[in-house]
Amino acid sequence: MDTSIKEKAMADLRDYLAEERTLLAWIRTGIALMGFGLVAAHIPAKSTAK
């Protein structure tokens, strides 16, 4: 019985850490997309009018 409690605690910890990694990956992706948007907004558009 004692080992199952330890296994459950380790499984809970593993799930918590996996969820935290996923959240951090989403945050990192959002920051990267915002950075890309800022760079794209500062690129001068080529004018087609003469």
N, C-alpha and C. Protein backbone atom coordinates (compact mmCIF):
# COMPACT_ATOMS: atom_id res chain seq x y z
N MET A 1 0.82 -1.19 0.00
CA MET A 1 0.00 0.00 0.00
C MET A 1 0.87 1.26 0.00
N ASP A 2 1.98 1.20 0.68
CA ASP A 2 2.86 2.36 0.76
C ASP A 2 3.45 2.70 -0.60
N THR A 3 3.77 1.68 -1.41
CA THR A 3 4.35 1.96 -2.72
C THR A 3 3.32 2.58 -3.66
N SER A 4 2.06 2.21 -3.55
CA SER A 4 1.06 2.80 -4.45
C SER A 4 0.86 4.29 -4.14
N ILE A 5 0.97 4.68 -2.89
CA ILE A 5 0.86 6.09 -2.53
C ILE A 5 2.02 6.87 -3.12
N LYS A 6 3.22 6.30 -3.05
CA LYS A 6 4.40 6.96 -3.62
C LYS A 6 4.29 7.04 -5.13
N GLU A 7 3.79 5.97 -5.75
CA GLU A 7 3.62 5.97 -7.21
C GLU A 7 2.59 7.02 -7.62
N LYS A 8 1.51 7.16 -6.85
CA LYS A 8 0.50 8.17 -7.17
C LYS A 8 1.09 9.57 -7.03
N ALA A 9 1.88 9.79 -6.01
CA ALA A 9 2.50 11.10 -5.82
C ALA A 9 3.44 11.41 -6.98
N MET A 10 4.20 10.43 -7.42
CA MET A 10 5.11 10.64 -8.55
C MET A 10 4.33 10.89 -9.83
N ALA A 11 3.22 10.18 -10.02
CA ALA A 11 2.39 10.38 -11.21
C ALA A 11 1.79 11.78 -11.20
N ASP A 12 1.33 12.22 -10.03
CA ASP A 12 0.77 13.58 -9.92
C ASP A 12 1.83 14.62 -10.21
N LEU A 13 3.04 14.42 -9.68
CA LEU A 13 4.13 15.35 -9.93
C LEU A 13 4.48 15.37 -11.42
N ARG A 14 4.53 14.20 -12.04
CA ARG A 14 4.84 14.11 -13.46
C ARG A 14 3.79 14.84 -14.30
N ASP A 15 2.52 14.68 -13.94
CA ASP A 15 1.44 15.38 -14.65
C ASP A 15 1.55 16.89 -14.46
N TYR A 16 1.83 17.31 -13.24
CA TYR A 16 1.97 18.74 -12.96
C TYR A 16 3.10 19.35 -13.77
N LEU A 17 4.24 18.67 -13.81
CA LEU A 17 5.39 19.19 -14.55
C LEU A 17 5.12 19.21 -16.05
N ALA A 18 4.40 18.21 -16.55
CA ALA A 18 4.05 18.19 -17.97
C ALA A 18 3.11 19.34 -18.31
N GLU A 19 2.16 19.62 -17.44
CA GLU A 19 1.24 20.74 -17.67
C GLU A 19 1.99 22.07 -17.64
N GLU A 20 2.96 22.18 -16.74
CA GLU A 20 3.73 23.41 -16.66
C GLU A 20 4.57 23.61 -17.92
N ARG A 21 5.18 22.53 -18.43
CA ARG A 21 5.95 22.63 -19.67
C ARG A 21 5.06 23.04 -20.84
N THR A 22 3.85 22.51 -20.87
CA THR A 22 2.92 22.86 -21.94
C THR A 22 2.54 24.34 -21.87
N LEU A 23 2.25 24.83 -20.67
CA LEU A 23 1.92 26.24 -20.50
C LEU A 23 3.08 27.12 -20.94
N LEU A 24 4.28 26.77 -20.52
CA LEU A 24 5.45 27.57 -20.90
C LEU A 24 5.68 27.53 -22.40
N ALA A 25 5.40 26.41 -23.04
CA ALA A 25 5.54 26.33 -24.49
C ALA A 25 4.54 27.25 -25.19
N TRP A 26 3.31 27.31 -24.69
CA TRP A 26 2.30 28.21 -25.26
C TRP A 26 2.71 29.66 -25.07
N ILE A 27 3.24 30.00 -23.91
CA ILE A 27 3.69 31.37 -23.66
C ILE A 27 4.83 31.72 -24.59
N ARG A 28 5.79 30.81 -24.74
CA ARG A 28 6.93 31.03 -25.63
C ARG A 28 6.47 31.21 -27.07
N THR A 29 5.50 30.42 -27.50
CA THR A 29 4.98 30.53 -28.86
C THR A 29 4.28 31.87 -29.06
N GLY A 30 3.51 32.30 -28.06
CA GLY A 30 2.83 33.59 -28.16
C GLY A 30 3.80 34.75 -28.25
N ILE A 31 4.86 34.69 -27.45
CA ILE A 31 5.87 35.75 -27.49
C ILE A 31 6.57 35.76 -28.84
N ALA A 32 6.86 34.58 -29.38
CA ALA A 32 7.51 34.50 -30.69
C ALA A 32 6.61 35.07 -31.78
N LEU A 33 5.32 34.78 -31.72
CA LEU A 33 4.39 35.31 -32.73
C LEU A 33 4.26 36.82 -32.62
N MET A 34 4.25 37.34 -31.39
CA MET A 34 4.20 38.80 -31.24
C MET A 34 5.47 39.45 -31.78
N GLY A 35 6.61 38.82 -31.53
CA GLY A 35 7.86 39.34 -32.06
C GLY A 35 7.88 39.32 -33.58
N PHE A 36 7.39 38.24 -34.16
CA PHE A 36 7.31 38.15 -35.62
C PHE A 36 6.38 39.22 -36.17
N GLY A 37 5.27 39.46 -35.49
CA GLY A 37 4.34 40.50 -35.93
C GLY A 37 4.96 41.88 -35.90
N LEU A 38 5.74 42.15 -34.85
CA LEU A 38 6.41 43.45 -34.77
C LEU A 38 7.43 43.62 -35.89
N VAL A 39 8.18 42.57 -36.16
CA VAL A 39 9.15 42.63 -37.24
C VAL A 39 8.44 42.82 -38.58
N ALA A 40 7.38 42.08 -38.81
CA ALA A 40 6.64 42.18 -40.07
C ALA A 40 6.01 43.56 -40.23
N ALA A 41 5.59 44.17 -39.13
CA ALA A 41 4.96 45.49 -39.20
C ALA A 41 5.99 46.58 -39.52
N HIS A 42 7.24 46.35 -39.21
CA HIS A 42 8.26 47.36 -39.46
C HIS A 42 8.95 47.21 -40.81
N ILE A 43 8.63 46.16 -41.53
CA ILE A 43 9.20 46.00 -42.87
C ILE A 43 8.42 46.94 -43.80
N PRO A 44 9.12 47.81 -44.50
CA PRO A 44 8.40 48.73 -45.38
C PRO A 44 7.71 47.97 -46.53
N ALA A 45 6.48 48.31 -46.76
CA ALA A 45 5.73 47.68 -47.85
C ALA A 45 6.17 48.29 -49.18
N LYS A 46 6.28 47.45 -50.19
CA LYS A 46 6.62 47.95 -51.52
C LYS A 46 5.37 48.58 -52.13
N SER A 47 5.53 49.76 -52.64
CA SER A 47 4.42 50.46 -53.23
C SER A 47 4.26 50.01 -54.68
N THR A 48 3.04 49.70 -55.08
CA THR A 48 2.76 49.31 -56.47
C THR A 48 2.38 50.52 -57.31
N ALA A 49 2.03 51.63 -56.67
CA ALA A 49 1.65 52.84 -57.41
C ALA A 49 2.90 53.54 -57.91
N LYS A 50 2.80 54.10 -59.12
CA LYS A 50 3.96 54.79 -59.72
C LYS A 50 3.74 56.27 -59.78
